[in-house]
C-alpha atoms as a PDB file:
ATOM      1  CA  MET A   1      -9.367 -12.071   0.371  1.00  0.00           C
ATOM      2  CA  LYS A   2     -11.300 -13.915   3.070  1.00  0.00           C
ATOM      3  CA  ALA A   3      -9.926 -17.057   4.720  1.00  0.00           C
ATOM      4  CA  VAL A   4     -11.840 -20.194   3.760  1.00  0.00           C
ATOM      5  CA  ARG A   5     -13.611 -22.848   5.817  1.00  0.00           C
ATOM      6  CA  VAL A   6     -12.302 -26.333   6.585  1.00  0.00           C
ATOM      7  CA  LYS A   7     -13.834 -28.282   3.664  1.00  0.00           C
ATOM      8  CA  GLU A   8     -12.675 -25.765   1.066  1.00  0.00           C
ATOM      9  CA  ALA A   9      -9.257 -25.587   2.745  1.00  0.00           C
ATOM     10  CA  GLY A  10      -9.082 -29.397   2.630  1.00  0.00           C
ATOM     11  CA  ARG A  11      -9.946 -29.416  -1.062  1.00  0.00           C
ATOM     12  CA  ARG A  12      -7.234 -26.861  -1.811  1.00  0.00           C
ATOM     13  CA  ALA A  13      -4.729 -28.716   0.347  1.00  0.00           C
ATOM     14  CA  GLY A  14      -5.419 -31.943  -1.522  1.00  0.00           C
ATOM     15  CA  GLU A  15      -4.925 -30.197  -4.849  1.00  0.00           C
ATOM     16  CA  PHE A  16      -1.631 -28.772  -3.602  1.00  0.00           C
ATOM     17  CA  VAL A  17      -0.308 -32.167  -2.468  1.00  0.00           C
ATOM     18  CA  GLU A  18      -1.288 -33.781  -5.750  1.00  0.00           C
ATOM     19  CA  SER A  19       0.299 -30.943  -7.754  1.00  0.00           C
ATOM     20  CA  VAL A  20       3.713 -31.156  -6.062  1.00  0.00           C
ATOM     21  CA  ARG A  21       4.141 -34.938  -6.091  1.00  0.00           C
ATOM     22  CA  ASP A  22       6.650 -36.229  -8.593  1.00  0.00           C
ATOM     23  CA  PRO A  23       5.786 -39.543 -10.318  1.00  0.00           C
ATOM     24  CA  ALA A  24       9.198 -40.879  -9.203  1.00  0.00           C
ATOM     25  CA  GLY A  25       8.272 -40.354  -5.535  1.00  0.00           C
ATOM     26  CA  GLY A  26       9.802 -36.946  -4.932  1.00  0.00           C
ATOM     27  CA  TYR A  27       8.348 -33.467  -4.677  1.00  0.00           C
ATOM     28  CA  ARG A  28       8.688 -30.334  -6.765  1.00  0.00           C
ATOM     29  CA  ILE A  29       7.482 -27.261  -4.924  1.00  0.00           C
ATOM     30  CA  GLU A  30       8.019 -24.123  -6.915  1.00  0.00           C
ATOM     31  CA  ARG A  31       5.684 -21.999  -4.848  1.00  0.00           C
ATOM     32  CA  TRP A  32       4.104 -22.485  -1.436  1.00  0.00           C
ATOM     33  CA  PRO A  33       0.430 -21.600  -0.951  1.00  0.00           C
ATOM     34  CA  ALA A  34      -0.056 -18.076   0.350  1.00  0.00           C
ATOM     35  CA  VAL A  35      -1.741 -17.350   3.662  1.00  0.00           C
ATOM     36  CA  GLU A  36      -5.238 -16.275   2.679  1.00  0.00           C
ATOM     37  CA  GLY A  37      -7.186 -13.645   4.540  1.00  0.00           C
ATOM     38  CA  ARG A  38      -6.631 -12.664   8.109  1.00  0.00           C
ATOM     39  CA  ARG A  39      -7.819 -14.534  11.155  1.00  0.00           C
ATOM     40  CA  ALA A  40      -9.797 -12.217  13.352  1.00  0.00           C
ATOM     41  CA  GLY A  41     -10.930 -12.974  16.864  1.00  0.00           C
ATOM     42  CA  ARG A  42     -10.757 -16.396  18.464  1.00  0.00           C
ATOM     43  CA  PHE A  43      -9.516 -19.283  16.379  1.00  0.00           C
ATOM     44  CA  ASP A  44      -9.232 -22.878  17.597  1.00  0.00           C
ATOM     45  CA  LEU A  45      -6.080 -24.174  15.914  1.00  0.00           C
ATOM     46  CA  ALA A  46      -6.465 -27.720  17.262  1.00  0.00           C
ATOM     47  CA  ARG A  47     -10.009 -27.886  15.909  1.00  0.00           C
ATOM     48  CA  ALA A  48      -8.843 -26.614  12.500  1.00  0.00           C
ATOM     49  CA  VAL A  49      -6.123 -29.300  12.353  1.00  0.00           C
ATOM     50  CA  ALA A  50      -8.649 -31.989  13.349  1.00  0.00           C
ATOM     51  CA  GLY A  51     -11.070 -30.790  10.656  1.00  0.00           C
ATOM     52  CA  LEU A  52      -8.360 -30.800   8.014  1.00  0.00           C
ATOM     53  CA  ARG A  53      -7.286 -34.289   9.064  1.00  0.00           C
ATOM     54  CA  THR A  54     -10.894 -35.467   8.650  1.00  0.00           C
ATOM     55  CA  CYS A  55     -10.934 -34.038   5.113  1.00  0.00           C
ATOM     56  CA  GLN A  56      -7.574 -35.672   4.467  1.00  0.00           C
ATOM     57  CA  ARG A  57      -8.751 -39.117   5.629  1.00  0.00           C
ATOM     58  CA  GLU A  58     -11.900 -38.896   3.486  1.00  0.00           C
ATOM     59  CA  LYS A  59      -9.929 -38.077   0.340  1.00  0.00           C
ATOM     60  CA  PHE A  60      -6.599 -39.885   0.797  1.00  0.00           C
ATOM     61  CA  GLY A  61      -6.790 -42.124   3.850  1.00  0.00           C
ATOM     62  CA  PHE A  62      -3.664 -41.895   5.978  1.00  0.00           C
ATOM     63  CA  LEU A  63      -0.773 -40.008   4.412  1.00  0.00           C
ATOM     64  CA  ASP A  64       2.922 -40.419   5.109  1.00  0.00           C
ATOM     65  CA  PRO A  65       4.440 -37.682   7.316  1.00  0.00           C
ATOM     66  CA  VAL A  66       5.664 -35.554   4.393  1.00  0.00           C
ATOM     67  CA  ASP A  67       2.345 -35.580   2.527  1.00  0.00           C
ATOM     68  CA  ASP A  68       0.514 -35.045   5.812  1.00  0.00           C
ATOM     69  CA  ALA A  69       2.643 -31.998   6.646  1.00  0.00           C
ATOM     70  CA  LEU A  70       2.259 -30.601   3.118  1.00  0.00           C
ATOM     71  CA  PHE A  71      -1.518 -31.077   3.332  1.00  0.00           C
ATOM     72  CA  LEU A  72      -1.828 -29.419   6.743  1.00  0.00           C
ATOM     73  CA  THR A  73       0.453 -26.526   5.785  1.00  0.00           C
ATOM     74  CA  ALA A  74      -1.575 -25.788   2.652  1.00  0.00           C
ATOM     75  CA  GLY A  75      -4.904 -26.254   4.442  1.00  0.00           C
ATOM     76  CA  LEU A  76      -4.023 -24.002   7.364  1.00  0.00           C
ATOM     77  CA  ARG A  77      -2.702 -21.318   5.033  1.00  0.00           C
ATOM     78  CA  ALA A  78      -5.993 -21.443   3.111  1.00  0.00           C
ATOM     79  CA  MET A  79      -7.720 -20.836   6.451  1.00  0.00           C
ATOM     80  CA  GLY A  80      -5.591 -17.753   7.123  1.00  0.00           C
ATOM     81  CA  VAL A  81      -3.066 -19.385   9.475  1.00  0.00           C
ATOM     82  CA  PRO A  82       0.646 -18.704   8.818  1.00  0.00           C
ATOM     83  CA  ALA A  83       1.731 -22.349   9.007  1.00  0.00           C
ATOM     84  CA  SER A  84       5.273 -23.535   8.242  1.00  0.00           C
ATOM     85  CA  PHE A  85       6.351 -26.871   6.788  1.00  0.00           C
ATOM     86  CA  ASN A  86       9.429 -28.291   8.539  1.00  0.00           C
ATOM     87  CA  LEU A  87      11.729 -31.124   7.564  1.00  0.00           C
ATOM     88  CA  GLY A  88      14.131 -32.349  10.206  1.00  0.00           C
ATOM     89  CA  ARG A  89      16.841 -34.946  10.674  1.00  0.00           C
ATOM     90  CA  GLU A  90      17.268 -36.947  13.856  1.00  0.00           C
ATOM     91  CA  ILE A  91      20.025 -35.578  16.053  1.00  0.00           C
ATOM     92  CA  VAL A  92      21.027 -39.083  17.200  1.00  0.00           C
ATOM     93  CA  PRO A  93      22.626 -40.997  15.610  1.00  0.00           C
ATOM     94  CA  ALA A  94      25.024 -38.378  14.301  1.00  0.00           C
ATOM     95  CA  LYS A  95      25.985 -40.645  11.395  1.00  0.00           C
ATOM     96  CA  ALA A  96      23.742 -42.613   9.059  1.00  0.00           C
ATOM     97  CA  PRO A  97      21.295 -44.173   9.340  1.00  0.00           C
ATOM     98  CA  ALA A  98      19.295 -41.334  10.864  1.00  0.00           C
ATOM     99  CA  SER A  99      15.683 -40.678   9.972  1.00  0.00           C
ATOM    100  CA  PHE A 100      13.930 -37.600   8.689  1.00  0.00           C
ATOM    101  CA  LEU A 101      10.523 -36.324   9.765  1.00  0.00           C
ATOM    102  CA  ALA A 102       8.228 -33.612   8.447  1.00  0.00           C
ATOM    103  CA  TRP A 103       5.938 -31.530  10.663  1.00  0.00           C
ATOM    104  CA  VAL A 104       3.895 -28.333  10.708  1.00  0.00           C
ATOM    105  CA  SER A 105       4.362 -25.427  13.065  1.00  0.00           C
ATOM    106  CA  CYS A 106       2.403 -22.254  13.636  1.00  0.00           C
ATOM    107  CA  GLU A 107       4.743 -19.721  15.146  1.00  0.00           C
ATOM    108  CA  GLU A 108       6.491 -21.858  17.776  1.00  0.00           C
ATOM    109  CA  THR A 109       3.696 -24.422  18.229  1.00  0.00           C
ATOM    110  CA  VAL A 110       4.041 -27.839  16.561  1.00  0.00           C
ATOM    111  CA  VAL A 111       0.560 -28.805  15.369  1.00  0.00           C
ATOM    112  CA  SER A 112       0.987 -31.994  13.340  1.00  0.00           C
ATOM    113  CA  THR A 113       2.731 -34.474  15.613  1.00  0.00           C
ATOM    114  CA  SER A 114       3.256 -35.361  19.244  1.00  0.00           C
ATOM    115  CA  VAL A 115       6.871 -36.379  18.559  1.00  0.00           C
ATOM    116  CA  PRO A 116       9.183 -34.039  20.525  1.00  0.00           C
ATOM    117  CA  VAL A 117      10.684 -32.661  17.308  1.00  0.00           C
ATOM    118  CA  ARG A 118      12.346 -29.658  18.946  1.00  0.00           C
ATOM    119  CA  GLU A 119      14.394 -31.970  21.174  1.00  0.00           C
ATOM    120  CA  GLU A 120      15.045 -34.852  18.769  1.00  0.00           C
ATOM    121  CA  TYR A 121      15.400 -33.285  15.302  1.00  0.00           C
ATOM    122  CA  VAL A 122      17.414 -30.532  13.697  1.00  0.00           C
ATOM    123  CA  VAL A 123      15.539 -28.559  11.058  1.00  0.00           C
ATOM    124  CA  VAL A 124      17.102 -28.928   7.622  1.00  0.00           C
ATOM    125  CA  PHE A 125      14.339 -27.083   5.756  1.00  0.00           C
ATOM    126  CA  ARG A 126      11.572 -24.760   6.852  1.00  0.00           C
ATOM    127  CA  SER A 127       9.095 -22.942   4.662  1.00  0.00           C
ATOM    128  CA  GLU A 128       8.237 -19.480   5.821  1.00  0.00           C
ATOM    129  CA  GLY A 129       4.901 -19.042   7.582  1.00  0.00           C
ATOM    130  CA  VAL A 130       3.991 -16.100   5.398  1.00  0.00           C
ATOM    131  CA  GLU A 131       4.997 -15.932   1.750  1.00  0.00           C
END
């Protein structure tokens, strides 16, 4: 199967986000989108993320960090990139109230936020990059 282009990946990502949202505000993810196709040759990951974000803004406007990370994970996977969804909890404070943040990584590169998540958050959930 061939990896898809940005607009098609954005459409699929939007469908994924809408399909996993629970009416009560939670999420039910029974299966993560598969990585489609294989990326051959040069691939500009930053440009792919920017293109997906443009699709996201056109369809949804600005999404909260969890929906944003779900969207980018699904979109990148549709484009043949083994992206992982990460959910982390702030390291400090050690006791409540600490915040949670979701982000996307491709191998060891964080692609969805400029927050120093590796230094400030401990991962409590991570989807696999390839399923």
